[in-house]
Amino acid sequence: MRVGTIVVALLAAIALCAVVPAAHAGCTYDQAVQKMTAVANGLGQKLAQAKTPDETQKIQAGYAKLNEGGEALAKQDYDKACTIYDGIAKDLDLKP
């Protein structure tokens, strides 16, 4: 193999390594769907147990954020969806 060919192959491999981890890093579709389901179920349970209008309003805000997560999921932005679902879970003390 010629040195020029080796250098080109090496540069191509480096470029591929720079791109591939970004595509596979973070949250997957399945993880996002699992978190969405867990958060939706948790919100339903919290809403059923809400005792004050403030609690109800906070849970309704959680549902609005859940919709934002669904939009991110539909756009295949799984990291964003998971971040949103994790934020809801943290804000409302849910287990995603």
N, C-alpha and C. Protein backbone atom coordinates (compact mmCIF):
# COMPACT_ATOMS: atom_id res chain seq x y z
N MET A 1 0.83 -1.17 0.00
CA MET A 1 0.00 0.00 0.00
C MET A 1 0.88 1.24 0.00
N ARG A 2 0.45 2.21 -0.72
CA ARG A 2 1.21 3.45 -0.77
C ARG A 2 0.91 4.30 0.45
N VAL A 3 1.84 5.15 0.81
CA VAL A 3 1.70 6.01 1.98
C VAL A 3 0.50 6.95 1.81
N GLY A 4 0.30 7.47 0.63
CA GLY A 4 -0.84 8.37 0.38
C GLY A 4 -2.16 7.68 0.63
N THR A 5 -2.27 6.43 0.21
CA THR A 5 -3.50 5.66 0.42
C THR A 5 -3.72 5.40 1.90
N ILE A 6 -2.66 5.10 2.60
CA ILE A 6 -2.76 4.85 4.04
C ILE A 6 -3.20 6.12 4.77
N VAL A 7 -2.65 7.25 4.38
CA VAL A 7 -3.01 8.52 5.02
C VAL A 7 -4.47 8.84 4.77
N VAL A 8 -4.93 8.64 3.54
CA VAL A 8 -6.34 8.91 3.22
C VAL A 8 -7.25 7.97 4.02
N ALA A 9 -6.89 6.70 4.10
CA ALA A 9 -7.69 5.74 4.85
C ALA A 9 -7.72 6.09 6.33
N LEU A 10 -6.58 6.52 6.85
CA LEU A 10 -6.51 6.91 8.25
C LEU A 10 -7.36 8.14 8.53
N LEU A 11 -7.29 9.12 7.65
CA LEU A 11 -8.11 10.33 7.83
C LEU A 11 -9.59 10.00 7.74
N ALA A 12 -9.95 9.10 6.84
CA ALA A 12 -11.34 8.69 6.72
C ALA A 12 -11.81 7.97 7.99
N ALA A 13 -10.96 7.14 8.55
CA ALA A 13 -11.31 6.43 9.79
C ALA A 13 -11.47 7.40 10.95
N ILE A 14 -10.59 8.39 11.02
CA ILE A 14 -10.69 9.40 12.09
C ILE A 14 -11.98 10.19 11.95
N ALA A 15 -12.30 10.58 10.72
CA ALA A 15 -13.53 11.33 10.49
C ALA A 15 -14.75 10.50 10.86
N LEU A 16 -14.73 9.22 10.52
CA LEU A 16 -15.84 8.33 10.86
C LEU A 16 -15.98 8.19 12.37
N CYS A 17 -14.87 8.05 13.06
CA CYS A 17 -14.91 7.94 14.53
C CYS A 17 -15.47 9.21 15.16
N ALA A 18 -15.22 10.33 14.56
CA ALA A 18 -15.72 11.60 15.11
C ALA A 18 -17.23 11.69 14.94
N VAL A 19 -17.76 11.08 13.88
CA VAL A 19 -19.20 11.17 13.60
C VAL A 19 -19.98 10.07 14.29
N VAL A 20 -19.51 8.85 14.27
CA VAL A 20 -20.26 7.71 14.77
C VAL A 20 -20.60 7.80 16.24
N PRO A 21 -19.68 8.17 17.15
CA PRO A 21 -20.07 8.24 18.55
C PRO A 21 -21.20 9.23 18.80
N ALA A 22 -21.22 10.33 18.07
CA ALA A 22 -22.27 11.31 18.27
C ALA A 22 -23.63 10.73 17.89
N ALA A 23 -23.64 9.89 16.87
CA ALA A 23 -24.90 9.30 16.44
C ALA A 23 -25.38 8.23 17.41
N HIS A 24 -24.47 7.59 18.12
CA HIS A 24 -24.87 6.50 19.00
C HIS A 24 -24.76 6.84 20.49
N ALA A 25 -24.25 7.99 20.81
CA ALA A 25 -24.08 8.37 22.21
C ALA A 25 -25.41 8.81 22.79
N GLY A 26 -25.54 8.69 24.08
CA GLY A 26 -26.73 9.21 24.75
C GLY A 26 -27.89 8.25 24.76
N CYS A 27 -29.04 8.79 24.62
CA CYS A 27 -30.30 8.07 24.78
C CYS A 27 -30.74 7.44 23.45
N THR A 28 -31.23 6.23 23.52
CA THR A 28 -31.75 5.55 22.33
C THR A 28 -33.26 5.75 22.25
N TYR A 29 -33.83 5.36 21.13
CA TYR A 29 -35.27 5.43 20.95
C TYR A 29 -35.99 4.63 22.04
N ASP A 30 -35.52 3.41 22.26
CA ASP A 30 -36.17 2.55 23.27
C ASP A 30 -36.10 3.15 24.66
N GLN A 31 -34.94 3.73 25.00
CA GLN A 31 -34.81 4.36 26.32
C GLN A 31 -35.76 5.55 26.44
N ALA A 32 -35.85 6.34 25.38
CA ALA A 32 -36.74 7.51 25.41
C ALA A 32 -38.20 7.08 25.58
N VAL A 33 -38.60 6.03 24.87
CA VAL A 33 -39.98 5.55 24.98
C VAL A 33 -40.24 5.00 26.38
N GLN A 34 -39.28 4.28 26.95
CA GLN A 34 -39.44 3.76 28.31
C GLN A 34 -39.60 4.91 29.30
N LYS A 35 -38.77 5.93 29.15
CA LYS A 35 -38.85 7.08 30.07
C LYS A 35 -40.18 7.81 29.89
N MET A 36 -40.61 7.99 28.63
CA MET A 36 -41.87 8.67 28.37
C MET A 36 -43.03 7.93 29.04
N THR A 37 -43.03 6.61 28.89
CA THR A 37 -44.10 5.79 29.47
C THR A 37 -44.09 5.88 30.99
N ALA A 38 -42.92 5.77 31.58
CA ALA A 38 -42.81 5.84 33.04
C ALA A 38 -43.24 7.21 33.56
N VAL A 39 -42.83 8.27 32.88
CA VAL A 39 -43.20 9.62 33.32
C VAL A 39 -44.70 9.83 33.15
N ALA A 40 -45.26 9.39 32.03
CA ALA A 40 -46.71 9.54 31.81
C ALA A 40 -47.50 8.81 32.90
N ASN A 41 -47.07 7.59 33.23
CA ASN A 41 -47.75 6.83 34.29
C ASN A 41 -47.59 7.54 35.64
N GLY A 42 -46.39 8.03 35.91
CA GLY A 42 -46.15 8.75 37.16
C GLY A 42 -46.97 10.01 37.28
N LEU A 43 -47.10 10.73 36.17
CA LEU A 43 -47.92 11.94 36.18
C LEU A 43 -49.38 11.61 36.47
N GLY A 44 -49.86 10.52 35.88
CA GLY A 44 -51.24 10.10 36.13
C GLY A 44 -51.47 9.76 37.59
N GLN A 45 -50.51 9.08 38.19
CA GLN A 45 -50.62 8.73 39.61
C GLN A 45 -50.58 10.00 40.48
N LYS A 46 -49.66 10.89 40.14
CA LYS A 46 -49.55 12.15 40.91
C LYS A 46 -50.83 12.97 40.79
N LEU A 47 -51.39 13.02 39.59
CA LEU A 47 -52.61 13.80 39.39
C LEU A 47 -53.76 13.23 40.21
N ALA A 48 -53.85 11.91 40.27
CA ALA A 48 -54.91 11.27 41.05
C ALA A 48 -54.75 11.55 42.54
N GLN A 49 -53.51 11.81 42.98
CA GLN A 49 -53.25 12.05 44.40
C GLN A 49 -53.16 13.53 44.75
N ALA A 50 -53.25 14.40 43.75
CA ALA A 50 -53.10 15.84 43.99
C ALA A 50 -54.20 16.32 44.93
N LYS A 51 -53.79 17.16 45.89
CA LYS A 51 -54.73 17.64 46.90
C LYS A 51 -55.00 19.13 46.80
N THR A 52 -54.14 19.85 46.09
CA THR A 52 -54.30 21.29 46.00
C THR A 52 -54.25 21.74 44.54
N PRO A 53 -54.81 22.89 44.26
CA PRO A 53 -54.73 23.43 42.90
C PRO A 53 -53.28 23.65 42.45
N ASP A 54 -52.40 24.01 43.38
CA ASP A 54 -50.99 24.20 43.03
C ASP A 54 -50.35 22.89 42.58
N GLU A 55 -50.65 21.81 43.29
CA GLU A 55 -50.13 20.50 42.89
C GLU A 55 -50.65 20.12 41.51
N THR A 56 -51.94 20.33 41.30
CA THR A 56 -52.55 20.01 40.02
C THR A 56 -51.92 20.82 38.89
N GLN A 57 -51.68 22.09 39.14
CA GLN A 57 -51.08 22.96 38.12
C GLN A 57 -49.65 22.51 37.79
N LYS A 58 -48.90 22.12 38.79
CA LYS A 58 -47.53 21.65 38.58
C LYS A 58 -47.53 20.37 37.74
N ILE A 59 -48.48 19.49 38.00
CA ILE A 59 -48.58 18.24 37.25
C ILE A 59 -49.01 18.53 35.82
N GLN A 60 -49.93 19.46 35.64
CA GLN A 60 -50.35 19.84 34.28
C GLN A 60 -49.19 20.43 33.50
N ALA A 61 -48.32 21.17 34.17
CA ALA A 61 -47.11 21.69 33.52
C ALA A 61 -46.21 20.52 33.11
N GLY A 62 -46.18 19.48 33.93
CA GLY A 62 -45.42 18.29 33.59
C GLY A 62 -45.95 17.62 32.33
N TYR A 63 -47.28 17.61 32.17
CA TYR A 63 -47.87 17.06 30.96
C TYR A 63 -47.50 17.89 29.73
N ALA A 64 -47.45 19.21 29.89
CA ALA A 64 -47.03 20.07 28.77
C ALA A 64 -45.60 19.76 28.36
N LYS A 65 -44.74 19.55 29.35
CA LYS A 65 -43.35 19.18 29.05
C LYS A 65 -43.28 17.79 28.43
N LEU A 66 -44.16 16.90 28.87
CA LEU A 66 -44.22 15.56 28.29
C LEU A 66 -44.50 15.66 26.79
N ASN A 67 -45.38 16.57 26.40
CA ASN A 67 -45.67 16.78 24.99
C ASN A 67 -44.44 17.29 24.25
N GLU A 68 -43.66 18.16 24.89
CA GLU A 68 -42.41 18.64 24.28
C GLU A 68 -41.46 17.47 24.05
N GLY A 69 -41.40 16.57 25.01
CA GLY A 69 -40.58 15.38 24.85
C GLY A 69 -41.06 14.52 23.69
N GLY A 70 -42.37 14.43 23.54
CA GLY A 70 -42.94 13.68 22.42
C GLY A 70 -42.58 14.30 21.08
N GLU A 71 -42.55 15.62 21.03
CA GLU A 71 -42.15 16.31 19.80
C GLU A 71 -40.68 16.01 19.48
N ALA A 72 -39.83 16.03 20.50
CA ALA A 72 -38.42 15.72 20.30
C ALA A 72 -38.27 14.27 19.84
N LEU A 73 -39.04 13.39 20.43
CA LEU A 73 -39.00 11.98 20.05
C LEU A 73 -39.42 11.81 18.59
N ALA A 74 -40.46 12.51 18.18
CA ALA A 74 -40.93 12.43 16.79
C ALA A 74 -39.88 12.94 15.81
N LYS A 75 -39.07 13.90 16.26
CA LYS A 75 -37.99 14.44 15.42
C LYS A 75 -36.72 13.60 15.52
N GLN A 76 -36.80 12.49 16.22
CA GLN A 76 -35.68 11.57 16.44
C GLN A 76 -34.54 12.22 17.22
N ASP A 77 -34.87 13.19 18.06
CA ASP A 77 -33.88 13.81 18.94
C ASP A 77 -34.02 13.14 20.31
N TYR A 78 -33.49 11.92 20.40
CA TYR A 78 -33.69 11.08 21.58
C TYR A 78 -33.00 11.65 22.82
N ASP A 79 -31.85 12.27 22.64
CA ASP A 79 -31.17 12.88 23.79
C ASP A 79 -32.02 13.98 24.40
N LYS A 80 -32.59 14.82 23.54
CA LYS A 80 -33.44 15.91 24.04
C LYS A 80 -34.68 15.35 24.73
N ALA A 81 -35.28 14.34 24.13
CA ALA A 81 -36.47 13.73 24.73
C ALA A 81 -36.14 13.18 26.11
N CYS A 82 -35.04 12.45 26.22
CA CYS A 82 -34.66 11.88 27.52
C CYS A 82 -34.35 12.97 28.54
N THR A 83 -33.71 14.03 28.09
CA THR A 83 -33.42 15.14 29.00
C THR A 83 -34.71 15.76 29.52
N ILE A 84 -35.68 15.93 28.65
CA ILE A 84 -36.98 16.47 29.06
C ILE A 84 -37.66 15.53 30.05
N TYR A 85 -37.69 14.24 29.73
CA TYR A 85 -38.35 13.27 30.62
C TYR A 85 -37.64 13.19 31.97
N ASP A 86 -36.32 13.22 31.96
CA ASP A 86 -35.57 13.20 33.22
C ASP A 86 -35.86 14.45 34.04
N GLY A 87 -36.01 15.59 33.37
CA GLY A 87 -36.32 16.84 34.07
C GLY A 87 -37.69 16.80 34.73
N ILE A 88 -38.66 16.26 34.01
CA ILE A 88 -40.01 16.12 34.59
C ILE A 88 -39.95 15.22 35.81
N ALA A 89 -39.27 14.10 35.66
CA ALA A 89 -39.17 13.14 36.77
C ALA A 89 -38.51 13.78 37.99
N LYS A 90 -37.49 14.56 37.75
CA LYS A 90 -36.80 15.21 38.87
C LYS A 90 -37.69 16.28 39.51
N ASP A 91 -38.32 17.10 38.67
CA ASP A 91 -39.17 18.19 39.20
C ASP A 91 -40.34 17.67 40.01
N LEU A 92 -40.88 16.53 39.60
CA LEU A 92 -42.08 16.01 40.27
C LEU A 92 -41.81 14.76 41.10
N ASP A 93 -40.54 14.47 41.30
CA ASP A 93 -40.12 13.32 42.12
C ASP A 93 -40.74 12.01 41.61
N LEU A 94 -40.57 11.78 40.31
CA LEU A 94 -41.03 10.55 39.67
C LEU A 94 -39.82 9.66 39.42
N LYS A 95 -40.07 8.41 39.15
CA LYS A 95 -38.99 7.48 38.79
C LYS A 95 -39.16 7.08 37.33
N PRO A 96 -38.37 7.70 36.43
CA PRO A 96 -38.52 7.39 35.00
C PRO A 96 -37.97 6.02 34.65
